[in-house]
Amino acid sequence: MVDDDVRHPVTVDTDALIAVANTGLWSRITDNIQLTTTNVCFHELKRHVREMSEYAPEGLRERWVHDGSKRALAPFDDEEKSFTTVPCVPRPHGEDAGEKSLKMEIEQHTELYRFAILMDTYGRRAINRVFDDAEETTGKAVAPTFLLCLLLDEGKCTVAEFCQACSEMLREEGWTGYQAIQGAWEAIPVDCSQYLPNALLP
């Protein structure tokens, strides 16, 4: 694991890593995007791999989390990939520890980050307050779909591939309620209306 305090401008929490790792565009993300997570999120991924059964039936949440966590961990052990972890001190505990660690990391190094990627609405709001209160930063907390948007911006996928991957993520994660859909498309200037049903669009 690369644990050398290299902080890339994009930082991602546990659930977002799992969600994006389970899409068909994950290998292109790992080849083209530089990102950072905290040691807390990294250990949450490891715990999921350990505690969730790889033999759970396809389609069950347990299998989804296990497989996504395993895929998400792989690039951190590959020296050719630009995925890094940074230590979070003091280390938060509890159910939302990964998300809290992201907020703490941004509070301590606000100017180094451009995007914080996480799905939780309240978590994004809290991090956006940190960014808003800081001077000379344009950082923003955005939903996991935005990581796919960065890939599109790099010219590494087509609009159709981007839209389909977003659809895949939203359906599989169960992010299909009104608020989740609104949050998922916030800050994404891409029109997917010709590729996706209205139910998955803002």
C-alpha atoms as a PDB file:
ATOM      1  CA  MET A   1       0.000   0.000   0.000  1.00  0.00           C
ATOM      2  CA  VAL A   2       1.243   3.450  -0.884  1.00  0.00           C
ATOM      3  CA  ASP A   3       1.060   5.367   2.386  1.00  0.00           C
ATOM      4  CA  ASP A   4       3.427   8.241   1.797  1.00  0.00           C
ATOM      5  CA  ASP A   5       1.141  11.197   2.515  1.00  0.00           C
ATOM      6  CA  VAL A   6       0.797  12.076  -1.188  1.00  0.00           C
ATOM      7  CA  ARG A   7      -2.486  13.940  -1.414  1.00  0.00           C
ATOM      8  CA  HIS A   8      -4.153  14.026  -4.810  1.00  0.00           C
ATOM      9  CA  PRO A   9      -6.842  16.681  -5.437  1.00  0.00           C
ATOM     10  CA  VAL A  10      -9.598  14.031  -5.397  1.00  0.00           C
ATOM     11  CA  THR A  11     -10.445  12.236  -2.145  1.00  0.00           C
ATOM     12  CA  VAL A  12     -13.008   9.438  -1.939  1.00  0.00           C
ATOM     13  CA  ASP A  13     -14.770   7.672   0.953  1.00  0.00           C
ATOM     14  CA  THR A  14     -15.461   3.954   1.443  1.00  0.00           C
ATOM     15  CA  ASP A  15     -18.984   3.736  -0.003  1.00  0.00           C
ATOM     16  CA  ALA A  16     -18.047   5.801  -3.043  1.00  0.00           C
ATOM     17  CA  LEU A  17     -15.032   3.590  -3.754  1.00  0.00           C
ATOM     18  CA  ILE A  18     -17.218   0.465  -3.560  1.00  0.00           C
ATOM     19  CA  ALA A  19     -19.918   1.991  -5.769  1.00  0.00           C
ATOM     20  CA  VAL A  20     -17.494   3.080  -8.498  1.00  0.00           C
ATOM     21  CA  ALA A  21     -15.368  -0.095  -8.264  1.00  0.00           C
ATOM     22  CA  ASN A  22     -18.463  -2.129  -9.098  1.00  0.00           C
ATOM     23  CA  THR A  23     -19.052  -0.283 -12.389  1.00  0.00           C
ATOM     24  CA  GLY A  24     -17.723  -1.355 -15.774  1.00  0.00           C
ATOM     25  CA  LEU A  25     -15.486   1.728 -15.897  1.00  0.00           C
ATOM     26  CA  TRP A  26     -13.402   0.940 -12.797  1.00  0.00           C
ATOM     27  CA  SER A  27     -10.296  -0.209 -14.685  1.00  0.00           C
ATOM     28  CA  ARG A  28     -10.309   3.047 -16.647  1.00  0.00           C
ATOM     29  CA  ILE A  29     -10.666   5.003 -13.401  1.00  0.00           C
ATOM     30  CA  THR A  30      -7.645   3.238 -11.920  1.00  0.00           C
ATOM     31  CA  ASP A  31      -5.613   3.806 -15.101  1.00  0.00           C
ATOM     32  CA  ASN A  32      -6.422   7.493 -15.519  1.00  0.00           C
ATOM     33  CA  ILE A  33      -7.483   9.149 -12.256  1.00  0.00           C
ATOM     34  CA  GLN A  34      -5.325  10.036  -9.264  1.00  0.00           C
ATOM     35  CA  LEU A  35      -7.125   9.801  -5.953  1.00  0.00           C
ATOM     36  CA  THR A  36      -6.564   9.668  -2.219  1.00  0.00           C
ATOM     37  CA  THR A  37      -8.476   8.111   0.636  1.00  0.00           C
ATOM     38  CA  THR A  38      -7.850   7.923   4.373  1.00  0.00           C
ATOM     39  CA  ASN A  39      -6.405   4.974   6.238  1.00  0.00           C
ATOM     40  CA  VAL A  40      -9.798   4.704   7.960  1.00  0.00           C
ATOM     41  CA  CYS A  41     -11.609   4.144   4.645  1.00  0.00           C
ATOM     42  CA  PHE A  42      -8.864   1.763   3.531  1.00  0.00           C
ATOM     43  CA  HIS A  43      -9.324  -0.352   6.667  1.00  0.00           C
ATOM     44  CA  GLU A  44     -13.102  -0.289   6.242  1.00  0.00           C
ATOM     45  CA  LEU A  45     -12.626  -1.800   2.782  1.00  0.00           C
ATOM     46  CA  LYS A  46     -10.341  -4.477   4.215  1.00  0.00           C
ATOM     47  CA  ARG A  47     -12.886  -5.260   6.928  1.00  0.00           C
ATOM     48  CA  HIS A  48     -15.637  -5.641   4.326  1.00  0.00           C
ATOM     49  CA  VAL A  49     -13.510  -8.130   2.371  1.00  0.00           C
ATOM     50  CA  ARG A  50     -12.835 -10.065   5.575  1.00  0.00           C
ATOM     51  CA  GLU A  51     -16.367 -10.041   6.991  1.00  0.00           C
ATOM     52  CA  MET A  52     -18.581 -10.178   3.884  1.00  0.00           C
ATOM     53  CA  SER A  53     -18.769 -13.548   2.148  1.00  0.00           C
ATOM     54  CA  GLU A  54     -17.400 -13.848  -1.362  1.00  0.00           C
ATOM     55  CA  TYR A  55     -19.694 -16.867  -1.674  1.00  0.00           C
ATOM     56  CA  ALA A  56     -22.896 -14.935  -1.026  1.00  0.00           C
ATOM     57  CA  PRO A  57     -25.283 -15.246  -3.987  1.00  0.00           C
ATOM     58  CA  GLU A  58     -24.962 -12.733  -6.826  1.00  0.00           C
ATOM     59  CA  GLY A  59     -27.376  -9.867  -6.316  1.00  0.00           C
ATOM     60  CA  LEU A  60     -27.141  -9.793  -2.530  1.00  0.00           C
ATOM     61  CA  ARG A  61     -25.799  -6.661  -0.865  1.00  0.00           C
ATOM     62  CA  GLU A  62     -23.183  -8.721   0.995  1.00  0.00           C
ATOM     63  CA  ARG A  63     -21.669  -9.987  -2.251  1.00  0.00           C
ATOM     64  CA  TRP A  64     -21.819  -6.488  -3.805  1.00  0.00           C
ATOM     65  CA  VAL A  65     -19.932  -4.950  -0.877  1.00  0.00           C
ATOM     66  CA  HIS A  66     -17.357  -7.771  -0.760  1.00  0.00           C
ATOM     67  CA  ASP A  67     -16.612  -7.656  -4.483  1.00  0.00           C
ATOM     68  CA  GLY A  68     -16.578  -3.858  -4.648  1.00  0.00           C
ATOM     69  CA  SER A  69     -14.273  -3.604  -1.642  1.00  0.00           C
ATOM     70  CA  LYS A  70     -11.879  -6.154  -3.102  1.00  0.00           C
ATOM     71  CA  ARG A  71     -11.757  -4.318  -6.439  1.00  0.00           C
ATOM     72  CA  ALA A  72     -11.365  -0.960  -4.689  1.00  0.00           C
ATOM     73  CA  LEU A  73      -8.364  -2.171  -2.665  1.00  0.00           C
ATOM     74  CA  ALA A  74      -6.357  -3.575  -5.587  1.00  0.00           C
ATOM     75  CA  PRO A  75      -5.032  -0.267  -7.050  1.00  0.00           C
ATOM     76  CA  PHE A  76      -3.649   0.801  -3.669  1.00  0.00           C
ATOM     77  CA  ASP A  77      -1.221  -2.133  -3.828  1.00  0.00           C
ATOM     78  CA  ASP A  78      -0.198  -1.428  -7.411  1.00  0.00           C
ATOM     79  CA  GLU A  79       2.767   0.932  -7.707  1.00  0.00           C
ATOM     80  CA  GLU A  80       1.767   1.821 -11.269  1.00  0.00           C
ATOM     81  CA  LYS A  81      -1.543   3.301 -10.070  1.00  0.00           C
ATOM     82  CA  SER A  82      -1.931   6.747  -8.518  1.00  0.00           C
ATOM     83  CA  PHE A  83      -4.038   5.774  -5.496  1.00  0.00           C
ATOM     84  CA  THR A  84      -2.759   6.863  -2.096  1.00  0.00           C
ATOM     85  CA  THR A  85      -3.864   6.714   1.527  1.00  0.00           C
ATOM     86  CA  VAL A  86      -3.218   9.311   4.191  1.00  0.00           C
ATOM     87  CA  PRO A  87      -3.400   8.886   7.971  1.00  0.00           C
ATOM     88  CA  CYS A  88      -6.287  10.418   9.886  1.00  0.00           C
ATOM     89  CA  VAL A  89      -5.402  11.703  13.372  1.00  0.00           C
ATOM     90  CA  PRO A  90      -7.242  11.416  15.672  1.00  0.00           C
ATOM     91  CA  ARG A  91      -8.856   8.344  14.175  1.00  0.00           C
ATOM     92  CA  PRO A  92     -12.669   8.377  14.244  1.00  0.00           C
ATOM     93  CA  HIS A  93     -14.652   5.259  15.118  1.00  0.00           C
ATOM     94  CA  GLY A  94     -18.180   4.053  14.596  1.00  0.00           C
ATOM     95  CA  GLU A  95     -20.535   3.547  11.696  1.00  0.00           C
ATOM     96  CA  ASP A  96     -19.600   6.713   9.776  1.00  0.00           C
ATOM     97  CA  ALA A  97     -15.893   6.632  10.593  1.00  0.00           C
ATOM     98  CA  GLY A  98     -14.769   6.706   6.960  1.00  0.00           C
ATOM     99  CA  GLU A  99     -16.961   9.656   6.117  1.00  0.00           C
ATOM    100  CA  LYS A 100     -15.857  11.492   9.286  1.00  0.00           C
ATOM    101  CA  SER A 101     -12.211  10.831   8.425  1.00  0.00           C
ATOM    102  CA  LEU A 102     -12.712  12.464   5.030  1.00  0.00           C
ATOM    103  CA  LYS A 103     -14.123  15.583   6.681  1.00  0.00           C
ATOM    104  CA  MET A 104     -11.241  15.694   9.180  1.00  0.00           C
ATOM    105  CA  GLU A 105      -8.701  15.300   6.380  1.00  0.00           C
ATOM    106  CA  ILE A 106     -10.279  18.167   4.447  1.00  0.00           C
ATOM    107  CA  GLU A 107     -10.407  20.361   7.553  1.00  0.00           C
ATOM    108  CA  GLN A 108      -6.667  19.816   8.025  1.00  0.00           C
ATOM    109  CA  HIS A 109      -5.622  20.123   4.368  1.00  0.00           C
ATOM    110  CA  THR A 110      -8.435  22.083   2.731  1.00  0.00           C
ATOM    111  CA  GLU A 111      -6.299  23.805   0.107  1.00  0.00           C
ATOM    112  CA  LEU A 112      -4.995  20.509  -1.304  1.00  0.00           C
ATOM    113  CA  TYR A 113      -8.358  19.114  -2.345  1.00  0.00           C
ATOM    114  CA  ARG A 114     -10.550  19.939  -5.328  1.00  0.00           C
ATOM    115  CA  PHE A 115     -13.193  17.245  -4.883  1.00  0.00           C
ATOM    116  CA  ALA A 116     -14.403  15.137  -1.975  1.00  0.00           C
ATOM    117  CA  ILE A 117     -16.486  12.251  -3.272  1.00  0.00           C
ATOM    118  CA  LEU A 118     -19.137  10.671  -1.051  1.00  0.00           C
ATOM    119  CA  MET A 119     -22.832   9.847  -1.342  1.00  0.00           C
ATOM    120  CA  ASP A 120     -24.179  10.862   2.055  1.00  0.00           C
ATOM    121  CA  THR A 121     -26.083  14.147   1.704  1.00  0.00           C
ATOM    122  CA  TYR A 122     -25.282  15.394   5.208  1.00  0.00           C
ATOM    123  CA  GLY A 123     -21.654  14.423   4.803  1.00  0.00           C
ATOM    124  CA  ARG A 124     -21.413  16.413   1.573  1.00  0.00           C
ATOM    125  CA  ARG A 125     -23.072  19.422   3.193  1.00  0.00           C
ATOM    126  CA  ALA A 126     -20.681  19.308   6.156  1.00  0.00           C
ATOM    127  CA  ILE A 127     -17.631  19.116   3.878  1.00  0.00           C
ATOM    128  CA  ASN A 128     -18.974  21.872   1.620  1.00  0.00           C
ATOM    129  CA  ARG A 129     -19.228  24.108   4.699  1.00  0.00           C
ATOM    130  CA  VAL A 130     -15.533  23.464   5.331  1.00  0.00           C
ATOM    131  CA  PHE A 131     -14.716  24.388   1.742  1.00  0.00           C
ATOM    132  CA  ASP A 132     -16.995  27.454   1.840  1.00  0.00           C
ATOM    133  CA  ASP A 133     -15.399  28.735   5.041  1.00  0.00           C
ATOM    134  CA  ALA A 134     -11.869  28.404   3.669  1.00  0.00           C
ATOM    135  CA  GLU A 135     -10.291  31.192   1.681  1.00  0.00           C
ATOM    136  CA  GLU A 136      -8.782  30.684  -1.751  1.00  0.00           C
ATOM    137  CA  THR A 137     -10.209  27.234  -2.405  1.00  0.00           C
ATOM    138  CA  THR A 138     -12.741  26.053  -4.950  1.00  0.00           C
ATOM    139  CA  GLY A 139     -13.205  22.613  -3.403  1.00  0.00           C
ATOM    140  CA  LYS A 140     -16.549  20.856  -3.576  1.00  0.00           C
ATOM    141  CA  ALA A 141     -18.088  17.718  -2.105  1.00  0.00           C
ATOM    142  CA  VAL A 142     -19.861  15.709  -4.800  1.00  0.00           C
ATOM    143  CA  ALA A 143     -21.567  12.338  -5.300  1.00  0.00           C
ATOM    144  CA  PRO A 144     -19.746   9.191  -6.552  1.00  0.00           C
ATOM    145  CA  THR A 145     -21.144   9.665 -10.062  1.00  0.00           C
ATOM    146  CA  PHE A 146     -18.813  12.671 -10.327  1.00  0.00           C
ATOM    147  CA  LEU A 147     -15.786  10.363 -10.328  1.00  0.00           C
ATOM    148  CA  LEU A 148     -17.129   8.913 -13.577  1.00  0.00           C
ATOM    149  CA  CYS A 149     -17.606  12.468 -14.848  1.00  0.00           C
ATOM    150  CA  LEU A 150     -13.889  13.132 -14.281  1.00  0.00           C
ATOM    151  CA  LEU A 151     -13.161  10.139 -16.493  1.00  0.00           C
ATOM    152  CA  LEU A 152     -15.435  11.570 -19.181  1.00  0.00           C
ATOM    153  CA  ASP A 153     -13.664  14.941 -18.873  1.00  0.00           C
ATOM    154  CA  GLU A 154     -10.350  13.162 -19.504  1.00  0.00           C
ATOM    155  CA  GLY A 155     -11.791  11.730 -22.726  1.00  0.00           C
ATOM    156  CA  LYS A 156     -11.417   8.180 -21.415  1.00  0.00           C
ATOM    157  CA  CYS A 157     -15.040   7.143 -21.916  1.00  0.00           C
ATOM    158  CA  THR A 158     -17.959   8.135 -24.114  1.00  0.00           C
ATOM    159  CA  VAL A 159     -21.087   9.939 -22.944  1.00  0.00           C
ATOM    160  CA  ALA A 160     -23.042   6.709 -23.495  1.00  0.00           C
ATOM    161  CA  GLU A 161     -20.565   4.724 -21.369  1.00  0.00           C
ATOM    162  CA  PHE A 162     -20.671   7.395 -18.670  1.00  0.00           C
ATOM    163  CA  CYS A 163     -24.484   7.404 -18.559  1.00  0.00           C
ATOM    164  CA  GLN A 164     -24.709   3.606 -18.486  1.00  0.00           C
ATOM    165  CA  ALA A 165     -22.149   3.382 -15.683  1.00  0.00           C
ATOM    166  CA  CYS A 166     -24.102   5.971 -13.665  1.00  0.00           C
ATOM    167  CA  SER A 167     -27.274   3.949 -14.218  1.00  0.00           C
ATOM    168  CA  GLU A 168     -25.490   0.771 -13.138  1.00  0.00           C
ATOM    169  CA  MET A 169     -24.258   2.446  -9.968  1.00  0.00           C
ATOM    170  CA  LEU A 170     -27.572   4.043  -9.002  1.00  0.00           C
ATOM    171  CA  ARG A 171     -29.555   0.838  -9.514  1.00  0.00           C
ATOM    172  CA  GLU A 172     -27.116  -1.523  -7.811  1.00  0.00           C
ATOM    173  CA  GLU A 173     -26.539   0.779  -4.844  1.00  0.00           C
ATOM    174  CA  GLY A 174     -30.264   1.383  -4.463  1.00  0.00           C
ATOM    175  CA  TRP A 175     -29.751   5.125  -4.892  1.00  0.00           C
ATOM    176  CA  THR A 176     -33.059   5.515  -6.721  1.00  0.00           C
ATOM    177  CA  GLY A 177     -35.061   7.748  -4.368  1.00  0.00           C
ATOM    178  CA  TYR A 178     -35.738  11.366  -5.286  1.00  0.00           C
ATOM    179  CA  GLN A 179     -33.051  12.890  -3.043  1.00  0.00           C
ATOM    180  CA  ALA A 180     -30.437  10.332  -4.051  1.00  0.00           C
ATOM    181  CA  ILE A 181     -31.090  10.944  -7.748  1.00  0.00           C
ATOM    182  CA  GLN A 182     -30.906  14.729  -7.272  1.00  0.00           C
ATOM    183  CA  GLY A 183     -27.633  14.406  -5.342  1.00  0.00           C
ATOM    184  CA  ALA A 184     -26.130  12.012  -7.865  1.00  0.00           C
ATOM    185  CA  TRP A 185     -26.552  14.438 -10.763  1.00  0.00           C
ATOM    186  CA  GLU A 186     -25.706  17.628  -8.896  1.00  0.00           C
ATOM    187  CA  ALA A 187     -22.626  19.307 -10.397  1.00  0.00           C
ATOM    188  CA  ILE A 188     -22.663  17.011 -13.452  1.00  0.00           C
ATOM    189  CA  PRO A 189     -23.127  18.984 -16.687  1.00  0.00           C
ATOM    190  CA  VAL A 190     -23.962  15.936 -18.817  1.00  0.00           C
ATOM    191  CA  ASP A 191     -27.342  15.218 -20.403  1.00  0.00           C
ATOM    192  CA  CYS A 192     -28.077  11.489 -20.189  1.00  0.00           C
ATOM    193  CA  SER A 193     -31.730  11.761 -21.216  1.00  0.00           C
ATOM    194  CA  GLN A 194     -31.234   9.854 -24.473  1.00  0.00           C
ATOM    195  CA  TYR A 195     -29.588   6.943 -22.636  1.00  0.00           C
ATOM    196  CA  LEU A 196     -31.466   6.610 -19.330  1.00  0.00           C
ATOM    197  CA  PRO A 197     -35.093   6.392 -18.203  1.00  0.00           C
ATOM    198  CA  ASN A 198     -36.591   9.450 -16.538  1.00  0.00           C
ATOM    199  CA  ALA A 199     -36.718   7.612 -13.205  1.00  0.00           C
ATOM    200  CA  LEU A 200     -32.916   7.786 -13.014  1.00  0.00           C
ATOM    201  CA  LEU A 201     -32.632  11.419 -14.076  1.00  0.00           C
ATOM    202  CA  PRO A 202     -33.003  14.621 -12.018  1.00  0.00           C
END
